[in-house]
Each structure stands twice: as structure tokens, then as C-alpha cells.
Protein backbone atom coordinates (compact mmCIF):
# COMPACT_ATOMS: atom_id res chain seq x y z
CA MET A 1 0.00 0.00 0.00
CA LEU A 2 1.28 3.45 -0.91
CA ASN A 3 1.81 6.23 1.58
CA PHE A 4 -0.22 9.31 0.69
CA ASP A 5 1.51 12.57 1.50
CA PRO A 6 -0.94 15.20 2.85
CA THR A 7 -0.07 17.47 -0.09
CA ILE A 8 -1.42 14.81 -2.48
CA LEU A 9 -4.73 14.74 -0.66
CA GLN A 10 -4.85 18.55 -0.55
CA THR A 11 -4.24 18.72 -4.29
CA ILE A 12 -7.39 16.69 -4.88
CA GLN A 13 -9.50 18.32 -2.18
CA GLN A 14 -8.69 21.85 -3.37
CA SER A 15 -9.46 21.15 -7.04
CA GLY A 16 -12.51 22.69 -8.64
CA ARG A 17 -12.68 20.68 -11.86
CA VAL A 18 -10.88 17.41 -12.56
CA LEU A 19 -10.39 15.38 -15.74
CA VAL A 20 -10.24 11.60 -15.13
CA ALA A 21 -8.67 9.69 -18.05
CA ALA A 22 -8.58 5.86 -18.19
CA ASP A 23 -6.93 3.30 -20.46
CA ILE A 24 -9.84 0.93 -21.11
CA GLN A 25 -8.12 -0.71 -24.08
CA SER A 26 -5.42 -2.06 -21.77
CA SER A 27 -7.95 -3.30 -19.22
CA PRO A 28 -11.66 -2.48 -18.86
CA SER A 29 -11.20 -2.66 -15.08
CA ASN A 30 -9.47 0.72 -15.36
CA GLY A 31 -12.77 2.08 -16.65
CA ALA A 32 -14.68 0.63 -13.69
CA ALA A 33 -12.19 2.18 -11.25
CA ALA A 34 -12.48 5.52 -13.07
CA VAL A 35 -16.30 5.38 -12.88
CA ALA A 36 -16.01 5.04 -9.09
CA LEU A 37 -13.42 7.83 -8.88
CA VAL A 38 -15.54 10.27 -10.90
CA SER A 39 -18.52 9.50 -8.66
CA GLY A 40 -16.39 10.03 -5.54
CA LEU A 41 -15.08 13.38 -6.79
CA ASN A 42 -18.60 14.59 -7.61
CA GLN A 43 -19.80 13.42 -4.22
CA ALA A 44 -17.01 15.50 -2.63
CA GLY A 45 -18.25 18.59 -4.48
CA ILE A 46 -15.57 18.47 -7.18
CA GLN A 47 -16.75 18.60 -10.79
CA ALA A 48 -15.22 15.69 -12.71
CA ASP A 49 -15.30 14.66 -16.37
CA PHE A 50 -14.49 11.16 -17.64
CA VAL A 51 -12.62 10.33 -20.86
CA ALA A 52 -11.14 7.04 -22.07
CA ASN A 53 -9.75 5.39 -25.19
CA GLY A 54 -12.65 2.92 -25.33
CA GLN A 55 -16.08 2.05 -23.97
CA LEU A 56 -17.20 -0.49 -21.37
CA ASP A 57 -19.15 -3.29 -23.07
CA ASP A 58 -22.29 -5.09 -21.85
CA HIS A 59 -20.10 -7.36 -19.73
CA TRP A 60 -19.90 -4.41 -17.31
CA SER A 61 -23.65 -3.95 -16.87
CA VAL A 62 -22.98 -5.41 -13.39
CA LEU A 63 -21.96 -1.87 -12.42
CA GLY A 64 -25.54 -0.66 -12.84
CA SER A 65 -26.31 2.59 -14.60
CA PHE A 66 -23.34 4.84 -15.28
CA ASN A 67 -22.22 7.36 -17.86
CA GLN A 68 -19.92 5.96 -20.53
CA PRO A 69 -16.69 7.94 -20.93
CA ASN A 70 -16.24 10.50 -23.67
CA GLN A 71 -13.60 9.59 -26.22
CA SER A 72 -12.64 13.17 -27.02
CA LEU A 73 -12.39 16.52 -25.28
CA ALA A 74 -14.18 19.69 -26.27
CA SER A 75 -11.96 21.85 -28.44
CA GLU A 76 -10.08 24.62 -26.71
CA ASP A 77 -11.45 28.14 -27.18
CA PHE A 78 -9.95 30.09 -30.05
CA ILE A 79 -9.60 33.71 -28.98
CA ILE A 80 -9.06 36.77 -31.14
CA SER A 81 -7.63 39.41 -28.80
CA LEU A 82 -7.72 43.12 -29.72
CA ASP A 83 -5.56 45.73 -27.96
CA LEU A 84 -7.82 48.62 -26.86
CA SER A 85 -5.13 50.75 -25.15
CA ARG A 86 -4.92 53.20 -28.08
CA THR A 87 -8.24 52.77 -29.89
CA LYS A 88 -11.69 52.00 -28.51
CA VAL A 89 -14.38 49.84 -30.07
CA GLY A 90 -17.45 51.51 -31.44
CA GLN A 91 -19.35 48.67 -33.14
CA ILE A 92 -18.77 44.96 -33.79
CA LYS A 93 -20.40 42.85 -36.52
CA TYR A 94 -19.57 39.54 -38.13
CA LYS A 95 -20.32 38.17 -41.55
CA ILE A 96 -19.90 34.70 -43.08
CA GLU A 97 -18.69 34.86 -46.65
CA GLY A 98 -18.29 31.46 -48.25
CA GLU A 99 -15.95 29.45 -46.04
CA ARG A 100 -14.71 32.47 -44.07
CA LEU A 101 -15.91 34.24 -40.93
CA ASN A 102 -15.13 37.97 -41.02
CA PHE A 103 -15.37 40.29 -38.01
CA LEU A 104 -16.17 43.92 -38.78
CA ILE A 105 -14.91 46.12 -35.95
CA LYS A 106 -15.59 49.85 -36.23
CA PRO A 107 -13.43 52.03 -33.94
CA SER A 108 -14.97 54.88 -32.00
CA ASN A 109 -11.79 56.91 -32.45
CA GLY A 110 -8.64 56.49 -34.52
CA GLN A 111 -8.06 53.16 -36.25
CA PHE A 112 -6.89 49.67 -35.40
CA LYS A 113 -3.57 48.36 -36.69
CA GLU A 114 -2.43 44.85 -37.56
CA GLU A 115 -0.22 44.71 -34.47
CA ASP A 116 -3.29 45.29 -32.25
CA VAL A 117 -4.60 41.81 -33.10
CA GLU A 118 -3.39 38.66 -31.30
CA LEU A 119 -4.59 35.07 -31.67
CA LEU A 120 -4.82 32.99 -28.49
CA VAL A 121 -5.86 29.44 -27.69
CA GLY A 122 -7.72 29.14 -24.42
CA ARG A 123 -6.80 26.38 -21.95
CA LEU A 124 -9.29 23.65 -21.15
CA PRO A 125 -10.96 24.41 -17.80
CA TYR A 126 -9.27 21.78 -15.62
CA ASP A 127 -7.00 22.36 -12.66
CA LEU A 128 -6.11 18.65 -12.21
CA VAL A 129 -5.83 15.55 -14.39
CA ILE A 130 -6.02 12.05 -12.85
CA THR A 131 -5.06 9.12 -15.06
CA VAL A 132 -6.16 5.56 -14.22
CA GLY A 133 -4.18 2.61 -15.58
CA VAL A 134 -2.37 4.79 -18.12
CA ALA A 135 1.25 3.67 -18.55
CA ASP A 136 2.00 6.41 -21.09
CA PRO A 137 -0.35 9.30 -22.02
CA GLU A 138 0.06 8.45 -25.71
CA VAL A 139 -2.06 5.30 -25.22
CA LEU A 140 -5.03 7.67 -24.84
CA GLY A 141 -4.80 8.39 -28.57
CA ASP A 142 -6.51 11.57 -29.77
CA ILE A 143 -7.45 12.53 -26.20
CA TYR A 144 -3.76 13.15 -25.61
CA ASN A 145 -2.61 13.99 -29.15
CA ASN A 146 -5.17 16.78 -29.54
CA ASN A 147 -4.73 18.12 -26.00
CA SER A 148 -1.08 17.47 -25.14
CA ALA A 149 -0.70 21.00 -23.70
CA LEU A 150 -3.28 20.12 -21.05
CA PHE A 151 -1.08 17.28 -19.76
CA TYR A 152 1.98 19.56 -19.66
CA GLN A 153 0.34 22.65 -18.19
CA THR A 154 -1.92 20.95 -15.63
CA PRO A 155 -0.88 18.90 -12.56
CA VAL A 156 -1.27 15.18 -13.27
CA ILE A 157 -1.86 12.42 -10.71
CA ASN A 158 -0.81 9.14 -12.31
CA ILE A 159 -2.57 6.07 -10.78
CA ASP A 160 -1.31 2.71 -12.01
CA CYS A 161 0.27 -0.64 -11.13
CA GLN A 162 2.14 -1.49 -14.37
CA THR A 163 5.90 -1.94 -14.41
CA LYS A 164 6.03 -0.18 -17.79
CA ASN A 165 4.51 3.00 -16.36
CA GLU A 166 6.65 6.00 -17.34
CA ASN A 167 5.96 8.02 -14.15
CA PHE A 168 4.89 10.97 -16.26
CA GLY A 169 2.80 12.67 -13.56
CA GLN A 170 3.74 15.39 -11.13
CA ILE A 171 2.35 12.91 -8.58
CA ASN A 172 2.90 9.22 -9.38
CA LEU A 173 0.79 6.77 -7.40
CA VAL A 174 2.26 3.68 -9.08
CA ASP A 175 2.08 0.59 -6.86
CA LEU A 176 3.86 -2.28 -8.63
CA VAL A 177 2.60 -4.89 -6.16
CA ALA A 178 -1.07 -3.85 -6.45
CA SER A 179 -3.45 -6.16 -8.28
CA SER A 180 -4.94 -3.36 -10.34
CA ALA A 181 -5.35 0.38 -10.62
CA ALA A 182 -8.64 -0.09 -8.76
CA GLU A 183 -6.74 -1.22 -5.68
CA VAL A 184 -4.72 2.02 -5.72
CA VAL A 185 -7.93 4.03 -6.21
CA TYR A 186 -9.44 2.25 -3.18
CA ASP A 187 -6.37 3.02 -1.04
CA LEU A 188 -6.56 6.68 -2.12
CA TRP A 189 -10.29 6.68 -1.30
CA CYS A 190 -9.54 5.48 2.23
CA ALA A 191 -6.81 8.10 2.66
CA LEU A 192 -9.27 10.83 1.61
CA GLN A 193 -11.78 9.38 4.10
CA TRP A 194 -14.56 9.49 1.52
CA PRO A 195 -17.75 7.54 2.33
CA LEU A 196 -18.57 4.71 -0.10
CA THR A 197 -21.97 4.17 -1.67
CA PRO A 198 -23.00 0.65 -2.77
CA ASP A 199 -22.62 1.68 -6.44
CA GLN A 200 -19.09 3.00 -5.90
CA ALA A 201 -18.13 -0.09 -3.91
CA THR A 202 -19.54 -2.32 -6.67
CA CYS A 203 -17.42 -0.57 -9.32
CA LEU A 204 -14.24 -1.09 -7.32
CA LEU A 205 -15.07 -4.68 -6.36
CA ALA A 206 -15.90 -5.58 -9.98
CA ALA A 207 -12.49 -4.27 -11.04
CA LEU A 208 -10.73 -6.31 -8.34
CA ILE A 209 -12.65 -9.46 -9.29
CA TYR A 210 -11.88 -8.94 -12.97
CA ASP A 211 -8.13 -8.45 -12.45
CA THR A 212 -7.75 -11.38 -10.05
CA LYS A 213 -10.13 -13.68 -11.98
CA ASN A 214 -12.42 -13.90 -8.97
CA PHE A 215 -9.47 -14.07 -6.56
CA THR A 216 -7.97 -17.19 -8.14
CA THR A 217 -4.62 -15.77 -9.29
CA ALA A 218 -1.43 -14.80 -7.51
CA LYS A 219 -2.63 -11.17 -7.61
CA ALA A 220 -5.18 -12.00 -4.90
CA SER A 221 -2.95 -10.82 -2.05
CA PRO A 222 -4.14 -10.47 1.57
CA GLN A 223 -4.44 -6.71 0.92
CA VAL A 224 -6.79 -7.34 -2.03
CA LEU A 225 -8.93 -9.77 -0.03
CA LEU A 226 -9.17 -7.25 2.82
CA ALA A 227 -10.18 -4.49 0.39
CA ALA A 228 -12.81 -6.79 -1.16
CA SER A 229 -14.18 -7.63 2.29
CA ASN A 230 -14.46 -3.94 3.15
CA LEU A 231 -16.18 -3.17 -0.17
CA ILE A 232 -18.73 -5.94 0.38
CA ARG A 233 -19.40 -4.56 3.87
CA GLU A 234 -20.09 -1.17 2.23
CA GLY A 235 -22.73 -2.73 0.00
CA ALA A 236 -20.82 -3.93 -3.08
CA ARG A 237 -23.04 -6.34 -5.04
CA ARG A 238 -20.69 -9.34 -5.16
CA GLU A 239 -23.45 -11.86 -5.89
CA VAL A 240 -24.57 -9.90 -8.95
CA ILE A 241 -21.01 -9.75 -10.31
CA VAL A 242 -20.21 -13.42 -9.67
CA ASN A 243 -23.57 -14.71 -10.90
CA GLN A 244 -23.37 -12.75 -14.14
CA TRP A 245 -19.69 -13.37 -14.85
CA TYR A 246 -19.05 -16.82 -13.42
CA SER A 247 -22.24 -18.68 -12.57
CA ALA A 248 -25.03 -18.04 -15.04
CA VAL A 249 -23.73 -19.61 -18.26
CA ALA A 250 -25.97 -19.92 -21.29
CA LEU A 251 -26.06 -23.19 -23.24
CA PRO A 252 -24.46 -21.68 -26.40
CA THR A 253 -21.60 -20.40 -24.23
CA LEU A 254 -21.08 -23.88 -22.74
CA ARG A 255 -20.98 -25.37 -26.25
CA LEU A 256 -18.38 -22.77 -27.23
CA TRP A 257 -16.23 -23.64 -24.21
CA GLY A 258 -16.44 -27.32 -25.12
CA LYS A 259 -15.24 -26.61 -28.66
CA VAL A 260 -12.34 -24.50 -27.41
CA LEU A 261 -11.31 -27.20 -24.93
CA SER A 262 -11.56 -30.03 -27.45
CA GLY A 263 -8.90 -28.45 -29.67
CA LEU A 264 -6.69 -27.01 -26.93
CA GLU A 265 -2.91 -27.41 -27.28
CA GLN A 266 -0.10 -25.96 -25.15
CA ALA A 267 3.62 -25.34 -25.61
CA ASP A 268 6.25 -25.22 -22.85
CA ASN A 269 6.74 -21.45 -23.24
CA GLY A 270 3.21 -20.58 -22.09
CA LEU A 271 1.59 -20.40 -25.54
CA VAL A 272 -1.85 -22.02 -25.67
CA TRP A 273 -3.97 -22.29 -28.80
CA SER A 274 -7.08 -23.90 -30.20
CA LYS A 275 -8.54 -24.32 -33.67
CA LEU A 276 -12.26 -23.75 -33.35
CA ASP A 277 -14.81 -25.06 -35.84
CA VAL A 278 -17.86 -22.88 -35.23
CA GLY A 279 -19.94 -24.49 -37.99
CA ASP A 280 -22.87 -22.28 -39.00
CA GLU A 281 -22.98 -20.45 -35.67
CA MET A 282 -22.34 -16.73 -35.33
CA VAL A 283 -19.60 -16.29 -32.74
CA SER A 284 -18.43 -12.91 -31.45
CA GLU A 285 -14.88 -12.06 -30.42
CA ILE A 286 -16.21 -10.95 -27.04
CA ALA A 287 -17.87 -14.34 -26.42
CA ILE A 288 -14.62 -16.14 -27.26
CA GLY A 289 -12.66 -13.74 -25.05
CA GLN A 290 -14.98 -14.37 -22.12
CA ALA A 291 -14.60 -18.12 -22.62
CA VAL A 292 -10.81 -17.75 -22.61
CA GLU A 293 -10.96 -15.68 -19.40
CA ARG A 294 -12.89 -18.46 -17.68
CA LEU A 295 -10.56 -21.16 -19.00
CA LEU A 296 -7.49 -19.28 -17.76
CA THR A 297 -8.48 -19.98 -14.16
CA GLY A 298 -7.48 -23.59 -14.86
CA LEU A 299 -4.45 -22.75 -17.04
CA GLN A 300 -2.11 -21.13 -14.53
CA ASP A 301 0.96 -21.44 -16.80
CA ALA A 302 -0.72 -19.92 -19.85
CA LYS A 303 0.76 -16.59 -20.94
CA VAL A 304 -0.86 -16.14 -24.34
CA VAL A 305 -4.01 -17.91 -25.56
CA ALA A 306 -4.77 -17.82 -29.30
CA ILE A 307 -8.09 -18.98 -30.75
CA PHE A 308 -8.47 -19.46 -34.51
CA TYR A 309 -11.94 -19.99 -35.99
CA ASN A 310 -13.31 -20.31 -39.49
CA LEU A 311 -15.36 -17.53 -41.07
CA ASN A 312 -15.82 -19.27 -44.41
CA GLN A 313 -17.78 -22.52 -44.56
CA SER A 314 -16.27 -23.67 -47.86
CA PRO A 315 -13.38 -26.20 -47.74
CA GLU A 316 -10.02 -24.63 -46.98
CA PRO A 317 -8.05 -23.93 -50.16
CA THR A 318 -4.49 -25.09 -50.47
CA VAL A 319 -2.03 -22.22 -49.93
CA SER A 320 1.68 -22.46 -50.58
CA LEU A 321 3.23 -20.88 -47.51
CA SER A 322 6.70 -21.24 -48.97
CA LEU A 323 5.60 -18.94 -51.79
CA LEU A 324 3.86 -16.50 -49.47
CA LYS A 325 6.78 -16.31 -47.05
CA ASN A 326 8.98 -14.89 -49.81
CA GLN A 327 6.98 -11.69 -49.55
CA ALA A 328 8.06 -8.83 -47.33
CA SER A 329 5.58 -8.92 -44.48
CA LEU A 330 2.58 -10.58 -42.88
CA LYS A 331 0.52 -7.68 -44.17
CA GLU A 332 1.51 -8.46 -47.76
CA ILE A 333 0.83 -12.16 -47.22
CA ASN A 334 -2.63 -11.33 -45.92
CA GLN A 335 -3.37 -8.82 -48.68
CA SER A 336 -2.18 -11.19 -51.39
CA LEU A 337 -5.34 -13.22 -50.81
CA SER A 338 -7.67 -10.27 -50.21
CA GLN A 339 -9.79 -11.25 -53.20
CA THR A 340 -11.01 -14.29 -51.25
CA GLY A 341 -12.31 -12.18 -48.34
CA SER A 342 -11.69 -12.89 -44.66
CA GLN A 343 -11.55 -16.62 -43.96
CA THR A 344 -10.25 -16.80 -40.39
CA GLY A 345 -11.12 -15.01 -37.20
CA VAL A 346 -8.34 -14.70 -34.64
CA VAL A 347 -8.71 -13.87 -30.93
CA ILE A 348 -5.56 -13.64 -28.80
CA TYR A 349 -5.58 -13.08 -25.04
CA ALA A 350 -2.58 -11.97 -22.97
CA ASN A 351 -2.40 -13.25 -19.41
CA GLY A 352 -0.07 -10.46 -18.33
CA ALA A 353 1.50 -7.22 -19.54
CA MET A 354 2.19 -7.91 -23.22
CA ASN A 355 1.61 -5.57 -26.15
CA LEU A 356 -0.23 -7.95 -28.47
CA ARG A 357 -1.38 -5.08 -30.64
CA GLU A 358 2.23 -4.14 -31.40
CA TRP A 359 3.20 -7.79 -32.00
CA LEU A 360 0.58 -8.17 -34.74
CA GLN A 361 0.20 -4.59 -35.90
CA GLU A 362 0.38 -5.61 -39.56
CA PHE A 363 -3.04 -7.24 -39.23
CA SER A 364 -4.55 -4.01 -37.77
CA PRO A 365 -5.90 -5.77 -34.65
CA ILE A 366 -8.67 -4.32 -32.51
CA SER A 367 -8.03 -4.15 -28.76
CA HIS A 368 -10.56 -5.42 -26.20
CA GLY A 369 -8.76 -4.92 -22.89
CA GLN A 370 -6.16 -7.70 -22.59
CA MET A 371 -7.40 -9.25 -25.81
CA ILE A 372 -6.99 -8.42 -29.49
CA SER A 373 -8.95 -9.68 -32.48
CA PHE A 374 -8.50 -9.48 -36.23
CA LYS A 375 -9.53 -11.15 -39.47
CA SER A 376 -7.17 -13.03 -41.74
CA ASN A 377 -7.68 -13.59 -45.46
CA LEU A 378 -5.69 -16.81 -45.18
CA PRO A 379 -7.31 -20.18 -44.44
CA THR A 380 -7.37 -21.16 -40.78
CA SER A 381 -4.52 -23.69 -40.95
CA SER A 382 -2.31 -21.27 -42.89
CA THR A 383 -3.09 -18.46 -40.46
CA MET A 384 -2.07 -20.69 -37.56
CA GLU A 385 1.13 -21.68 -39.36
CA LEU A 386 2.11 -18.01 -39.62
CA ILE A 387 0.84 -16.58 -36.32
CA LEU A 388 1.86 -19.30 -33.84
CA PRO A 389 5.63 -19.13 -34.60
CA LEU A 390 5.47 -15.33 -34.30
CA LEU A 391 3.78 -15.54 -30.89
CA SER A 392 6.24 -18.21 -29.76
CA ARG A 393 9.19 -16.05 -30.81
CA ARG A 394 7.82 -13.02 -28.97
CA LEU A 395 7.28 -15.06 -25.81
CA SER A 396 10.85 -16.33 -25.99
CA GLU A 397 12.10 -12.73 -26.18
CA ILE A 398 10.38 -11.74 -22.93
CA ASN A 399 10.99 -14.96 -20.96
């Protein structure tokens, strides 16, 4: 548990308007922790806005009703400043001509000169930024890229537990032994002596359950279990979370798990994979990801789980990989068969801090927390023959 200097607590308590920014793509639990934090700030009389680089999906309906984060910030004010020390304004009009906005300013005495005009960009109205689970502000995408001055000109409290965190804040609450950013948020909450509502407690508990896989991993330290116990005592809806995530399983989901398990294979380096024949069923990446999350509770040595499933019901064509491998990149290999359309769906889950999106960037993967998904134009067997060695090589580099 981190020690919270009184000046840290004062910085939060004396703020008027706070921006809370979360990295949901890295882990949706960061979003749940941020939802609680925004609610706590508002409850303390501090106006707080919530932005993130993704949205929380239906899996997080266990939190109850909450406002989804914005994925952009309002543009900064653009100010045209006019020096009135020598000449006063008599009348102001504006006129839109084509694609231009023209201001007509009539002086009451003398005349205005070009040097009297100055263009200014107004600062966004925040006196504090709090990031949740953000290892590097650039992972926030356009939120950061379009408002980088805000992160340089405004005090930043950086809440995280990742070893790759760059400690970019003026205040860095980075606890490397914490199970999740939510655990750090809870510790901060206790230091601020804020009361907890059942909704706030549920958000924090859901994040802890998600990151510890219902307290079945090594992350479930005595500190986490104590925090969970306190949150339940404050009204956190544990039964709702567990029943929806771990108990109530629909028949199609059970069938999907059975298919994943029937084709499961594992290498010594922690790579686990399965070739999934979905038949005529429509299977979503999220459903496969949730199945993998459940299966990981029984696969303690698994570091990366890759699921390959067919999108095309016609027989797999024969593809000469020796010919394809002479091309420059995976992207070119994939595009060389683009006329056939996507044939294989790929879902890959990282059980730890691994940048899967960077590993397979040439396939333009989509991030879903710790999981990525993409479509391959290659047949399923050929896709596996290309992707599995790449994943194995990457795992060897970090082991």
C-alpha cells in the first residue's frame, strides 16, 4: 500500500474541476475504477469529467447505470484578442462569406492596426488531471494527441500498477505490487476518508474481481482480499457480479467452451492455442474472449491464448506458404489473398503485460482490454502456421 503525503490529498480536495482519463483498451477494469473515482469526486463537491480510449461493453452492466466515458475533449477556445489601449471599439459585426468568418470592428476613435490583433488558444478548464491505468499518455490516442498541452500545463496524478509506467505525472501513485489500478484508487479513497456508496463499492469490487479472476490468481494478495471484504461490507453487489460473470452460463456459451477445450494445445513457453470449428454459428470475439478468461483460471501457466476460428464454410483452399513467405511482411501475405475475403477469425488473449497489438500490428488488430482480435484472409490452418511461430518467438524474447 502506498503512503499518501498530505499534499497529495490537498491537491485533490482543493481542485474545482478534474479530468479523469482511463486506459480501457489495456484493461476495462481501469474504466470501472475511473467510474467510481468520478462519482467520488462529484460526491465531494468536485466537478469531474471522464474520458477514455474505449467504452465499457455489456459485460460491465454489473456496475448498474453509469455514464460511458467521452472519447474526445471539447476543443479549446480560439480567442481573437484586440488591444484597446490606443483605440476604442465603437461597433462589432460579423459576416460569413463562403468558407470564411469575417469580423467587422468599427473604432470609436482612430483606427486599429495589424499589431493590435493577437490570436490565443484558451486552456481547457481543468486544474487537475487524474489518469487511471495509463502507462504512457500516448495510449489515450486523440485525447492526448489533440490536448497534449493540457497534460503539460496541468498537474497530473498518475494512478497505475504497471511496471512499464513512465511516471509521467507530477504525482505518481504507481504501486507495482497492487493487483490493479482499482486497488490504488481504493487506497486513495480510504486516505481521503470518503464515504462509499453501494454503487461505488460495486465498481471497485468488480475491477478487483476482474483483475484477479475472482481471486484465483497470484494477484489475490491479503491486501486485495481485505479491500474486497471492506467493499462488500459497504454494499458492493458481489453476488450480482459473480452470478453474471461466473455462474449463469448460457447453453451456447457452454458449447463454445467445449469446442475451445476439445482443440486445446499448449507449448512449454506458455503459448496455448485452439482451432475452433464454429460451424454455422455466429460467434463474437467478445464471447470467445470471455470463454478464454474463464478457462485461464485452470491454465495457470498460460501466458498467451490464441483462438483461430473459421469464417468461411467452404473447404479450406491449399495455400503455398513457402511462396507467401517470400513476400516482405505478414501484411503483404494477408493482402495477397484479399480477393477471397476474410476466412479466419483470430482472438488472442494476454495473461499479463504484453503488447499484443504491437506484436501483430500488420493485421490491424482491434483491442478489447487484454485481448486483441483481427480477421485473416488466409485459411485457418495457414493463419495458424504463420501466427503461432510469431507468438512463440515473442514469448521467448520476454521470458
